[in-house]
């Protein structure tokens, strides 16, 4: 006598793929509608440098004007003499750098990548234009 075949298990549907698809569609929907409701700003407000009395600025400060002239704490400085000038300052040193917002990024990168500044802490100083809200 032959045994009866075992009944086959009913096929169970895997709903996890459908749930993942729905979640992804919802994410795309909210990303798309969020960007439409909050359009990105068309312009970027750059920092503007103005003249301030030296006593209101941190010290030591290296000021690089738009013409490329350097001043260290108000004294004109040739770029080649930066290493000698900062060696005379009290250690440990944090050099503050003030450069115009209109200056090319390469100019700032050239300054911070100078070999004499490798072991020096540096901070970029920005000035707020009077009357502007932060």
N, C-alpha and C. Protein backbone atom coordinates (compact mmCIF):
# COMPACT_ATOMS: atom_id res chain seq x y z
N UNK A 1 0.83 -1.15 0.00
CA UNK A 1 0.00 0.00 0.00
C UNK A 1 0.90 1.25 0.00
N UNK A 2 0.52 2.14 -0.76
CA UNK A 2 1.32 3.35 -0.95
C UNK A 2 0.80 4.46 -0.04
N UNK A 3 1.77 5.24 0.57
CA UNK A 3 1.39 6.31 1.48
C UNK A 3 0.85 7.49 0.68
N UNK A 4 -0.06 8.12 1.28
CA UNK A 4 -0.63 9.30 0.63
C UNK A 4 0.41 10.43 0.63
N UNK A 5 0.48 11.21 -0.43
CA UNK A 5 1.43 12.32 -0.44
C UNK A 5 1.06 13.36 0.62
N UNK A 6 2.08 13.89 1.17
CA UNK A 6 1.86 14.90 2.21
C UNK A 6 1.26 16.15 1.57
N UNK A 7 0.40 16.78 2.30
CA UNK A 7 -0.18 18.00 1.73
C UNK A 7 0.89 19.10 1.64
N UNK A 8 0.84 19.82 0.57
CA UNK A 8 1.80 20.92 0.38
C UNK A 8 1.43 22.08 1.28
N UNK A 9 2.50 22.75 1.79
CA UNK A 9 2.27 23.92 2.63
C UNK A 9 1.74 25.05 1.75
N UNK A 10 0.80 25.78 2.26
CA UNK A 10 0.29 26.89 1.45
C UNK A 10 1.40 27.93 1.25
N UNK A 11 1.41 28.52 0.12
CA UNK A 11 2.42 29.53 -0.20
C UNK A 11 2.12 30.80 0.59
N UNK A 12 3.14 31.26 1.31
CA UNK A 12 2.99 32.48 2.08
C UNK A 12 3.61 33.63 1.31
N UNK A 13 2.87 34.68 1.21
CA UNK A 13 3.37 35.85 0.49
C UNK A 13 4.33 36.63 1.39
N UNK A 14 5.44 37.09 0.80
CA UNK A 14 6.41 37.90 1.53
C UNK A 14 6.05 39.36 1.31
N UNK A 15 5.54 40.01 2.34
CA UNK A 15 5.09 41.39 2.21
C UNK A 15 6.19 42.40 2.52
N UNK A 16 7.34 41.93 2.94
CA UNK A 16 8.40 42.86 3.31
C UNK A 16 8.87 43.69 2.12
N UNK A 17 8.91 43.09 0.93
CA UNK A 17 9.34 43.84 -0.26
C UNK A 17 8.34 44.94 -0.57
N UNK A 18 7.07 44.67 -0.41
CA UNK A 18 6.05 45.68 -0.67
C UNK A 18 6.16 46.82 0.35
N UNK A 19 6.43 46.48 1.60
CA UNK A 19 6.56 47.51 2.63
C UNK A 19 7.77 48.40 2.36
N UNK A 20 8.88 47.81 1.96
CA UNK A 20 10.08 48.59 1.63
C UNK A 20 9.80 49.52 0.46
N UNK A 21 9.10 49.04 -0.55
CA UNK A 21 8.77 49.89 -1.70
C UNK A 21 7.89 51.07 -1.29
N UNK A 22 6.92 50.81 -0.44
CA UNK A 22 6.04 51.89 0.00
C UNK A 22 6.82 52.92 0.81
N UNK A 23 7.69 52.47 1.70
CA UNK A 23 8.49 53.40 2.50
C UNK A 23 9.39 54.24 1.61
N UNK A 24 10.03 53.63 0.63
CA UNK A 24 10.89 54.39 -0.28
C UNK A 24 10.08 55.40 -1.08
N UNK A 25 8.91 55.02 -1.54
CA UNK A 25 8.07 55.97 -2.27
C UNK A 25 7.66 57.14 -1.38
N UNK A 26 7.36 56.88 -0.12
CA UNK A 26 7.02 57.95 0.80
C UNK A 26 8.20 58.89 1.04
N UNK A 27 9.38 58.32 1.18
CA UNK A 27 10.58 59.15 1.36
C UNK A 27 10.80 60.05 0.16
N UNK A 28 10.72 59.48 -1.04
CA UNK A 28 10.88 60.29 -2.25
C UNK A 28 9.81 61.36 -2.35
N UNK A 29 8.58 61.02 -1.98
CA UNK A 29 7.50 62.00 -2.03
C UNK A 29 7.79 63.17 -1.09
N UNK A 30 8.17 62.88 0.16
CA UNK A 30 8.43 63.96 1.10
C UNK A 30 9.67 64.76 0.75
N UNK A 31 10.67 64.12 0.17
CA UNK A 31 11.84 64.88 -0.29
C UNK A 31 11.46 65.83 -1.41
N UNK A 32 10.67 65.34 -2.35
CA UNK A 32 10.28 66.17 -3.50
C UNK A 32 9.38 67.32 -3.06
N UNK A 33 8.39 67.05 -2.25
CA UNK A 33 7.48 68.12 -1.84
C UNK A 33 8.15 69.08 -0.88
N UNK A 34 9.06 68.60 -0.07
CA UNK A 34 9.78 69.49 0.84
C UNK A 34 10.64 70.48 0.10
N UNK A 35 11.26 70.05 -1.00
CA UNK A 35 12.08 70.96 -1.77
C UNK A 35 11.23 71.96 -2.54
N UNK A 36 10.04 71.57 -2.93
CA UNK A 36 9.18 72.51 -3.63
C UNK A 36 8.62 73.57 -2.70
N UNK A 37 8.34 73.18 -1.46
CA UNK A 37 7.76 74.13 -0.52
C UNK A 37 8.82 75.05 0.08
N UNK A 38 10.06 74.61 0.17
CA UNK A 38 11.15 75.41 0.73
C UNK A 38 12.24 75.55 -0.32
N UNK A 39 12.06 76.43 -1.31
CA UNK A 39 13.10 76.54 -2.34
C UNK A 39 14.40 77.05 -1.74
N UNK A 40 15.53 76.59 -2.25
CA UNK A 40 16.82 77.04 -1.71
C UNK A 40 17.02 78.53 -1.97
N UNK A 41 17.79 79.14 -1.10
CA UNK A 41 18.09 80.57 -1.25
C UNK A 41 18.88 80.79 -2.52
N UNK A 42 18.58 81.86 -3.21
CA UNK A 42 19.22 82.13 -4.49
C UNK A 42 20.60 82.75 -4.34
N UNK A 43 20.84 83.46 -3.26
CA UNK A 43 22.14 84.12 -3.10
C UNK A 43 22.80 83.70 -1.81
N UNK A 44 24.09 83.93 -1.74
CA UNK A 44 24.85 83.63 -0.53
C UNK A 44 25.43 84.94 -0.03
N UNK A 45 25.20 85.23 1.24
CA UNK A 45 25.75 86.44 1.84
C UNK A 45 27.14 86.12 2.39
N UNK A 46 28.14 86.76 1.81
CA UNK A 46 29.51 86.53 2.24
C UNK A 46 29.88 87.53 3.33
N UNK A 47 30.85 87.14 4.13
CA UNK A 47 31.34 88.03 5.18
C UNK A 47 32.00 89.25 4.55
N UNK A 48 31.86 90.38 5.21
CA UNK A 48 32.49 91.61 4.73
C UNK A 48 33.42 92.13 5.80
N UNK A 49 34.64 92.42 5.42
CA UNK A 49 35.64 92.88 6.37
C UNK A 49 35.64 94.41 6.41
N UNK A 50 35.62 94.96 7.63
CA UNK A 50 35.71 96.40 7.80
C UNK A 50 36.90 96.70 8.71
N UNK A 51 37.30 97.96 8.73
CA UNK A 51 38.42 98.36 9.59
C UNK A 51 37.95 98.48 11.03
N UNK A 52 38.73 97.94 11.92
CA UNK A 52 38.46 98.03 13.35
C UNK A 52 39.74 98.47 14.04
N UNK A 53 39.60 99.11 15.19
CA UNK A 53 40.81 99.42 15.96
C UNK A 53 41.50 98.12 16.35
N UNK A 54 42.82 98.14 16.32
CA UNK A 54 43.60 96.94 16.59
C UNK A 54 43.37 96.38 17.98
N UNK A 55 43.01 97.25 18.94
CA UNK A 55 42.81 96.77 20.31
C UNK A 55 41.54 95.93 20.44
N UNK A 56 40.63 95.99 19.47
CA UNK A 56 39.42 95.18 19.51
C UNK A 56 39.61 93.81 18.84
N UNK A 57 40.74 93.61 18.19
CA UNK A 57 41.01 92.34 17.51
C UNK A 57 41.86 91.44 18.40
N UNK A 58 41.74 90.13 18.23
CA UNK A 58 42.59 89.23 19.03
C UNK A 58 44.05 89.39 18.64
N UNK A 59 44.93 88.96 19.52
CA UNK A 59 46.36 89.10 19.26
C UNK A 59 47.04 87.75 19.46
N UNK A 60 48.02 87.41 18.69
CA UNK A 60 48.53 88.05 17.49
C UNK A 60 47.59 87.79 16.32
N UNK A 61 47.48 88.80 15.46
CA UNK A 61 46.59 88.68 14.31
C UNK A 61 47.35 89.03 13.04
N UNK A 62 47.19 88.16 12.06
CA UNK A 62 47.78 88.38 10.74
C UNK A 62 46.66 88.87 9.84
N UNK A 63 46.77 90.11 9.40
CA UNK A 63 45.77 90.72 8.53
C UNK A 63 46.31 90.72 7.11
N UNK A 64 45.54 90.14 6.21
CA UNK A 64 45.90 90.12 4.79
C UNK A 64 44.85 90.95 4.06
N UNK A 65 45.27 92.11 3.52
CA UNK A 65 44.30 92.97 2.85
C UNK A 65 44.06 92.51 1.41
N UNK A 66 43.04 93.05 0.75
CA UNK A 66 42.73 92.60 -0.62
C UNK A 66 43.87 92.79 -1.61
N UNK A 67 44.78 93.74 -1.33
CA UNK A 67 45.91 93.95 -2.23
C UNK A 67 47.02 92.94 -2.01
N UNK A 68 46.90 92.10 -0.97
CA UNK A 68 47.91 91.09 -0.70
C UNK A 68 48.97 91.52 0.30
N UNK A 69 48.80 92.70 0.92
CA UNK A 69 49.74 93.19 1.92
C UNK A 69 49.45 92.52 3.26
N UNK A 70 50.50 92.20 3.99
CA UNK A 70 50.37 91.51 5.28
C UNK A 70 50.73 92.47 6.40
N UNK A 71 49.99 92.32 7.52
CA UNK A 71 50.32 93.03 8.76
C UNK A 71 50.20 92.04 9.90
N UNK A 72 51.18 92.06 10.80
CA UNK A 72 51.13 91.24 12.00
C UNK A 72 51.02 92.18 13.19
N UNK A 73 49.89 92.15 13.86
CA UNK A 73 49.59 93.06 14.98
C UNK A 73 49.81 94.52 14.60
N UNK A 74 49.36 94.90 13.42
CA UNK A 74 49.42 96.29 12.98
C UNK A 74 50.72 96.71 12.34
N UNK A 75 51.72 95.85 12.35
CA UNK A 75 53.02 96.19 11.74
C UNK A 75 53.12 95.53 10.37
N UNK A 76 53.51 96.28 9.34
CA UNK A 76 53.68 95.67 8.01
C UNK A 76 54.67 94.50 8.08
N UNK A 77 54.37 93.47 7.31
CA UNK A 77 55.18 92.26 7.36
C UNK A 77 55.35 91.70 5.95
N UNK A 78 56.59 91.37 5.61
CA UNK A 78 56.84 90.67 4.35
C UNK A 78 56.54 89.19 4.58
N UNK A 79 55.84 88.54 3.65
CA UNK A 79 55.50 87.13 3.84
C UNK A 79 56.69 86.25 4.15
N UNK A 80 57.86 86.57 3.63
CA UNK A 80 59.05 85.76 3.87
C UNK A 80 59.53 85.85 5.33
N UNK A 81 59.14 86.89 6.04
CA UNK A 81 59.60 87.09 7.42
C UNK A 81 58.59 86.60 8.45
N UNK A 82 57.55 85.89 8.03
CA UNK A 82 56.53 85.42 8.96
C UNK A 82 57.13 84.49 10.01
N UNK A 83 57.97 83.56 9.60
CA UNK A 83 58.57 82.60 10.53
C UNK A 83 59.39 83.28 11.62
N UNK A 84 60.17 84.29 11.23
CA UNK A 84 61.00 85.02 12.19
C UNK A 84 60.12 85.82 13.14
N UNK A 85 59.06 86.43 12.61
CA UNK A 85 58.18 87.27 13.43
C UNK A 85 57.41 86.45 14.46
N UNK A 86 56.93 85.26 14.09
CA UNK A 86 56.15 84.49 15.05
C UNK A 86 57.05 83.75 16.04
N UNK A 87 58.33 83.58 15.71
CA UNK A 87 59.25 82.94 16.64
C UNK A 87 59.48 83.81 17.87
N UNK A 88 59.34 85.14 17.73
CA UNK A 88 59.55 86.06 18.84
C UNK A 88 58.33 86.17 19.75
N UNK A 89 57.20 85.62 19.33
CA UNK A 89 55.97 85.74 20.12
C UNK A 89 55.93 84.68 21.21
N UNK A 90 55.21 84.96 22.30
CA UNK A 90 55.12 83.98 23.40
C UNK A 90 54.48 82.66 22.92
N UNK A 91 55.00 81.56 23.42
CA UNK A 91 54.51 80.23 23.04
C UNK A 91 53.71 79.64 24.19
N UNK A 92 52.75 78.79 24.04
CA UNK A 92 52.19 78.30 22.78
C UNK A 92 51.40 79.41 22.10
N UNK A 93 51.41 79.37 20.80
CA UNK A 93 50.89 80.48 20.00
C UNK A 93 49.62 80.07 19.28
N UNK A 94 48.63 80.95 19.29
CA UNK A 94 47.45 80.81 18.45
C UNK A 94 47.44 82.04 17.55
N UNK A 95 47.67 81.81 16.26
CA UNK A 95 47.71 82.90 15.29
C UNK A 95 46.33 83.10 14.72
N UNK A 96 45.82 84.32 14.83
CA UNK A 96 44.52 84.67 14.26
C UNK A 96 44.77 85.24 12.86
N UNK A 97 43.97 84.81 11.90
CA UNK A 97 44.14 85.24 10.52
C UNK A 97 42.87 85.96 10.09
N UNK A 98 43.03 87.20 9.62
CA UNK A 98 41.91 88.00 9.11
C UNK A 98 42.17 88.27 7.65
N UNK A 99 41.26 87.78 6.80
CA UNK A 99 41.39 87.95 5.36
C UNK A 99 40.02 88.30 4.81
N UNK A 100 40.00 89.07 3.76
CA UNK A 100 38.74 89.51 3.17
C UNK A 100 37.94 88.32 2.66
N UNK A 101 36.61 88.44 2.78
CA UNK A 101 35.73 87.39 2.25
C UNK A 101 35.78 87.31 0.74
N UNK A 102 36.24 88.38 0.07
CA UNK A 102 36.35 88.39 -1.39
C UNK A 102 37.66 87.79 -1.88
N UNK A 103 38.56 87.49 -0.98
CA UNK A 103 39.88 86.96 -1.38
C UNK A 103 39.70 85.55 -1.93
N UNK A 104 40.52 85.19 -2.91
CA UNK A 104 40.44 83.82 -3.43
C UNK A 104 40.80 82.80 -2.34
N UNK A 105 40.13 81.67 -2.38
CA UNK A 105 40.37 80.62 -1.38
C UNK A 105 41.82 80.16 -1.43
N UNK A 106 42.43 80.17 -2.61
CA UNK A 106 43.82 79.76 -2.75
C UNK A 106 44.77 80.61 -1.92
N UNK A 107 44.45 81.89 -1.76
CA UNK A 107 45.29 82.78 -0.96
C UNK A 107 45.30 82.32 0.50
N UNK A 108 44.12 82.02 1.04
CA UNK A 108 44.05 81.53 2.42
C UNK A 108 44.75 80.19 2.56
N UNK A 109 44.57 79.30 1.60
CA UNK A 109 45.22 78.00 1.65
C UNK A 109 46.74 78.12 1.61
N UNK A 110 47.24 79.06 0.81
CA UNK A 110 48.69 79.28 0.76
C UNK A 110 49.23 79.73 2.11
N UNK A 111 48.45 80.55 2.81
CA UNK A 111 48.89 81.04 4.12
C UNK A 111 48.93 79.90 5.13
N UNK A 112 47.82 79.15 5.25
CA UNK A 112 47.75 78.12 6.29
C UNK A 112 48.65 76.93 5.98
N UNK A 113 49.09 76.76 4.74
CA UNK A 113 49.97 75.65 4.39
C UNK A 113 51.44 76.02 4.42
N UNK A 114 51.76 77.20 4.91
CA UNK A 114 53.17 77.60 4.99
C UNK A 114 53.89 76.72 5.99
N UNK A 115 55.13 76.31 5.69
CA UNK A 115 55.86 75.39 6.58
C UNK A 115 56.09 75.94 7.98
N UNK A 116 56.26 77.25 8.12
CA UNK A 116 56.52 77.81 9.44
C UNK A 116 55.28 77.81 10.34
N UNK A 117 54.12 77.49 9.78
CA UNK A 117 52.88 77.47 10.56
C UNK A 117 52.39 76.05 10.86
N UNK A 118 53.21 75.04 10.58
CA UNK A 118 52.75 73.67 10.76
C UNK A 118 52.45 73.33 12.22
N UNK A 119 53.20 73.88 13.17
CA UNK A 119 52.99 73.58 14.59
C UNK A 119 52.25 74.69 15.32
N UNK A 120 51.66 75.62 14.58
CA UNK A 120 50.98 76.76 15.18
C UNK A 120 49.47 76.55 15.08
N UNK A 121 48.76 76.82 16.19
CA UNK A 121 47.29 76.82 16.14
C UNK A 121 46.85 78.07 15.41
N UNK A 122 45.88 77.92 14.52
CA UNK A 122 45.39 79.07 13.75
C UNK A 122 43.88 79.16 13.90
N UNK A 123 43.39 80.40 13.93
CA UNK A 123 41.95 80.66 13.96
C UNK A 123 41.65 81.71 12.90
N UNK A 124 40.60 81.49 12.16
CA UNK A 124 40.15 82.44 11.15
C UNK A 124 39.24 83.45 11.82
N UNK A 125 39.52 84.73 11.66
CA UNK A 125 38.76 85.79 12.28
C UNK A 125 37.84 86.41 11.22
N UNK A 126 36.58 86.57 11.59
CA UNK A 126 35.63 87.26 10.70
C UNK A 126 35.06 88.44 11.45
N UNK A 127 34.68 89.45 10.71
CA UNK A 127 34.12 90.65 11.31
C UNK A 127 32.66 90.76 10.90
N UNK A 128 31.81 91.12 11.85
CA UNK A 128 30.39 91.32 11.56
C UNK A 128 30.18 92.76 11.13
N UNK A 129 29.39 92.93 10.07
CA UNK A 129 29.06 94.27 9.61
C UNK A 129 28.04 94.87 10.56
N UNK A 130 28.28 96.09 11.04
CA UNK A 130 27.33 96.70 11.98
C UNK A 130 25.93 96.78 11.36
N UNK A 131 24.93 96.47 12.18
CA UNK A 131 23.54 96.54 11.72
C UNK A 131 23.01 95.22 11.19
N UNK A 132 23.86 94.24 10.95
CA UNK A 132 23.41 92.94 10.46
C UNK A 132 23.08 92.04 11.62
N UNK A 133 22.04 91.27 11.50
CA UNK A 133 21.69 90.29 12.52
C UNK A 133 22.49 89.03 12.28
N UNK A 134 22.90 88.37 13.35
CA UNK A 134 23.68 87.14 13.23
C UNK A 134 22.77 85.98 12.94
